[in-house]
Protein backbone atom coordinates (compact mmCIF):
# COMPACT_ATOMS: atom_id res chain seq x y z
CA MET A 1 139.98 54.76 -58.28
CA VAL A 2 137.61 51.97 -57.34
CA SER A 3 133.95 52.64 -58.03
CA ILE A 4 132.69 50.66 -55.05
CA GLY A 5 129.02 51.42 -54.70
CA LEU A 6 129.20 54.63 -56.69
CA ASN A 7 126.76 53.32 -59.25
CA LYS A 8 124.66 51.49 -56.71
CA PRO A 9 121.04 52.76 -56.48
CA ALA A 10 120.68 54.84 -53.34
CA GLU A 11 117.81 52.79 -51.95
CA THR A 12 119.24 49.39 -52.83
CA SER A 13 120.86 47.30 -50.14
CA VAL A 14 122.13 43.74 -50.26
CA LYS A 15 121.91 41.46 -47.28
CA SER A 16 123.57 38.12 -46.84
CA CYS A 17 121.24 35.21 -47.43
CA ASP A 18 119.08 34.06 -44.54
CA ASN A 19 119.27 30.63 -42.91
CA ASN A 20 117.20 29.03 -45.66
CA CYS A 21 119.65 30.25 -48.31
CA GLN A 22 122.66 29.09 -46.32
CA ALA A 23 120.99 25.72 -45.83
CA PHE A 24 120.34 25.52 -49.57
CA PHE A 25 124.02 26.10 -50.31
CA LYS A 26 125.10 23.48 -47.76
CA ILE A 27 122.72 20.96 -49.31
CA TYR A 28 124.18 21.78 -52.72
CA LEU A 29 127.73 21.15 -51.49
CA TRP A 30 126.74 17.94 -49.72
CA THR A 31 124.85 16.63 -52.76
CA MET A 32 127.81 17.42 -55.03
CA ARG A 33 129.87 14.90 -53.08
CA LEU A 34 127.22 12.19 -53.40
CA PHE A 35 127.30 11.86 -57.17
CA ASN A 36 130.05 10.09 -59.06
CA GLN A 37 131.99 12.14 -61.60
CA LYS A 38 130.66 9.93 -64.39
CA GLN A 39 127.06 11.03 -63.82
CA LEU A 40 127.23 13.91 -66.27
CA MET A 41 123.66 15.16 -66.19
CA TYR A 42 123.51 15.26 -62.40
CA LYS A 43 126.86 17.05 -62.26
CA TYR A 44 125.76 19.57 -64.85
CA TRP A 45 122.53 20.30 -63.02
CA LEU A 46 124.15 20.58 -59.62
CA ALA A 47 126.87 22.92 -60.88
CA ALA A 48 124.16 25.19 -62.21
CA LEU A 49 122.68 25.40 -58.71
CA LEU A 50 125.75 27.21 -57.38
CA PHE A 51 124.67 30.50 -58.88
CA SER A 52 121.46 30.26 -60.84
CA GLY A 53 119.78 28.42 -57.98
CA LEU A 54 120.68 31.09 -55.47
CA THR A 55 118.27 33.50 -57.13
CA ALA A 56 115.48 31.57 -55.44
CA CYS A 57 116.87 32.26 -51.96
CA GLY A 58 114.99 34.61 -49.72
CA GLY A 59 117.95 36.66 -48.43
CA GLY A 60 119.46 39.74 -50.01
CA GLY A 61 118.35 42.22 -52.58
CA ASN A 62 115.61 44.79 -52.64
CA SER A 63 112.35 43.64 -54.19
CA GLU A 64 110.78 47.07 -53.98
CA LYS A 65 113.11 48.92 -56.33
CA ALA A 66 113.44 47.99 -59.99
CA LEU A 67 117.02 47.22 -61.01
CA PRO A 68 118.63 47.10 -64.46
CA GLN A 69 119.18 43.80 -66.24
CA SER A 70 122.46 42.03 -65.47
CA ILE A 71 124.98 41.03 -68.12
CA GLY A 72 126.87 37.77 -68.52
CA GLY A 73 125.74 34.17 -68.76
CA GLU A 74 124.60 31.84 -66.00
CA TYR A 75 127.92 30.02 -66.06
CA GLU A 76 130.19 33.06 -66.35
CA ILE A 77 131.75 34.38 -63.13
CA VAL A 78 133.76 37.54 -62.54
CA VAL A 79 136.22 37.16 -59.64
CA VAL A 80 137.33 40.40 -57.97
CA VAL A 81 140.66 40.26 -56.13
CA ASP A 82 143.16 42.59 -54.50
CA ASP A 83 146.66 42.60 -55.99
CA GLU A 84 146.99 38.81 -55.79
CA LEU A 85 149.55 36.51 -57.38
CA THR A 86 148.03 34.11 -59.90
CA ASP A 87 149.62 31.19 -58.05
CA ALA A 88 148.35 32.25 -54.61
CA PRO A 89 146.84 29.18 -52.86
CA HIS A 90 143.28 30.52 -52.57
CA VAL A 91 143.34 31.73 -56.19
CA VAL A 92 144.49 28.33 -57.43
CA ALA A 93 141.93 26.52 -55.24
CA LEU A 94 139.03 28.56 -56.59
CA LYS A 95 140.16 27.97 -60.17
CA GLU A 96 140.42 24.21 -59.59
CA VAL A 97 136.99 23.95 -58.01
CA LEU A 98 135.02 26.04 -60.49
CA THR A 99 136.76 25.12 -63.73
CA GLN A 100 136.68 21.35 -63.44
CA ASN A 101 135.75 19.77 -66.74
CA TYR A 102 132.52 17.97 -67.41
CA PRO A 103 133.27 14.24 -67.60
CA MET A 104 132.58 12.04 -70.63
CA LEU A 105 133.04 14.80 -73.19
CA ASN A 106 135.37 14.65 -76.18
CA GLN A 107 136.73 18.11 -75.40
CA ASN A 108 137.49 20.11 -72.28
CA GLU A 109 134.38 21.93 -71.10
CA PRO A 110 134.62 23.59 -67.63
CA TRP A 111 131.66 24.06 -65.35
CA PHE A 112 132.18 27.81 -65.24
CA THR A 113 134.13 30.39 -67.20
CA LEU A 114 136.09 32.68 -64.87
CA SER A 115 137.22 36.25 -65.52
CA TRP A 116 139.62 37.85 -63.04
CA ILE A 117 139.73 41.56 -62.30
CA ASP A 118 141.81 43.63 -59.92
CA VAL A 119 139.64 45.60 -57.53
CA ASP A 120 141.30 48.81 -58.72
CA ASN A 121 139.77 48.18 -62.14
CA VAL A 122 136.21 47.64 -60.92
CA ASN A 123 133.73 49.91 -62.69
CA TYR A 124 130.03 50.09 -63.47
CA LEU A 125 130.37 47.36 -66.10
CA THR A 126 131.91 45.02 -63.52
CA GLU A 127 129.03 45.71 -61.17
CA LYS A 128 126.50 44.77 -63.86
CA ASN A 129 127.72 41.18 -64.10
CA ARG A 130 125.32 38.40 -63.21
CA ASN A 131 127.77 36.42 -61.06
CA LEU A 132 130.45 38.01 -58.86
CA ILE A 133 132.91 36.49 -56.41
CA LEU A 134 134.90 38.74 -54.07
CA LEU A 135 138.05 36.87 -53.01
CA THR A 136 140.36 38.08 -50.25
CA ASN A 137 142.27 37.05 -47.11
CA ARG A 138 143.49 38.89 -44.04
CA ASP A 139 147.09 38.86 -45.23
CA THR A 140 146.08 41.13 -48.10
CA TYR A 141 142.90 42.73 -46.77
CA GLY A 142 142.27 45.84 -48.75
CA LYS A 143 139.71 47.19 -51.17
CA VAL A 144 137.97 43.84 -51.77
CA ARG A 145 137.19 43.70 -48.07
CA GLN A 146 135.80 47.24 -48.26
CA MET A 147 133.74 46.26 -51.28
CA GLY A 148 132.35 43.34 -49.27
CA ARG A 149 131.38 45.70 -46.48
CA GLU A 150 129.65 48.02 -48.95
CA ILE A 151 127.59 45.13 -50.27
CA PHE A 152 126.90 42.97 -47.22
CA GLY A 153 127.27 45.49 -44.41
CA ASP A 154 129.77 45.81 -41.55
CA GLU A 155 127.79 43.54 -39.23
CA ALA A 156 127.80 40.58 -41.61
CA VAL A 157 131.50 40.91 -42.48
CA ASP A 158 132.48 41.38 -38.81
CA ALA A 159 130.52 38.24 -37.88
CA LEU A 160 132.30 36.26 -40.59
CA GLU A 161 135.73 37.47 -39.48
CA GLN A 162 135.03 36.60 -35.85
CA ASP A 163 133.82 33.06 -36.58
CA PRO A 164 136.68 30.67 -37.51
CA ASN A 165 134.18 28.28 -39.11
CA LYS A 166 132.83 30.83 -41.59
CA PHE A 167 134.50 32.02 -44.75
CA MET A 168 131.59 32.80 -47.06
CA LEU A 169 128.78 35.32 -47.48
CA ILE A 170 126.16 34.99 -50.20
CA GLY A 171 123.85 37.72 -51.45
CA LYS A 172 122.11 38.93 -54.55
CA ASP A 173 120.95 41.93 -56.58
CA ALA A 174 123.35 44.63 -55.42
CA TRP A 175 123.30 46.68 -58.61
CA VAL A 176 121.37 44.62 -61.17
CA ARG A 177 118.93 41.73 -61.35
CA PRO A 178 119.41 38.81 -61.42
CA GLN A 179 122.76 39.00 -59.69
CA ASN A 180 124.52 36.54 -57.39
CA ILE A 181 127.40 37.68 -55.19
CA MET A 182 129.73 35.57 -53.07
CA TYR A 183 132.29 36.96 -50.63
CA LEU A 184 135.09 34.53 -49.71
CA ALA A 185 137.56 35.54 -46.99
CA ASP A 186 139.65 33.98 -44.26
CA GLU A 187 142.67 34.52 -42.03
CA ASN A 188 145.24 33.69 -44.70
CA ALA A 189 145.51 32.35 -48.24
CA ASN A 190 146.36 28.77 -47.25
CA LEU A 191 143.47 28.44 -44.82
CA LEU A 192 141.03 29.91 -47.32
CA ALA A 193 142.30 27.50 -49.98
CA GLU A 194 141.72 24.55 -47.67
CA LYS A 195 138.14 25.60 -46.95
CA ILE A 196 137.34 26.19 -50.61
CA LYS A 197 138.58 22.70 -51.48
CA ALA A 198 136.82 21.13 -48.49
CA ASN A 199 133.50 22.55 -49.68
CA GLU A 200 133.98 21.41 -53.26
């Protein structure tokens, strides 16, 4: 059984980031494309912005209620999926984008370390992680979609599903602090993969 929200503090609610936060993320993506792969320090710093920088955004979370400390490092991400194939297009795309290696190093060193978990195995330890990505598509909509609704609310998820240009919701501090949560969803796996790569 999935423990979606069962361990979530009763008075805690997570909202998707406001316009300032969305603008911040768009600036991050745009700036990523400006720098050459050889500029290691810039690349390192900008990759860190993807999650650690989002904690400065104004949207999401509940500042009035104290939350437990999160677990996991700044560059460790837990990806929650429905029963997806490991070679599904959107799964492969996300892996390629987030696990690119730093250039100019003698050994392979990815930007982020990814851990994958089936939504049926989500528990209170999963919810305590610092960085979470919820990955789904309408072909396999299931418990990940429900988890997204529990975190971001029906209105935010409905708005995303009705807008063909949107595929992402960003929030923070659902169960612990600091915590960054990203919900990625689209009509099908191929379309979602294309958008993930286009926003690399």
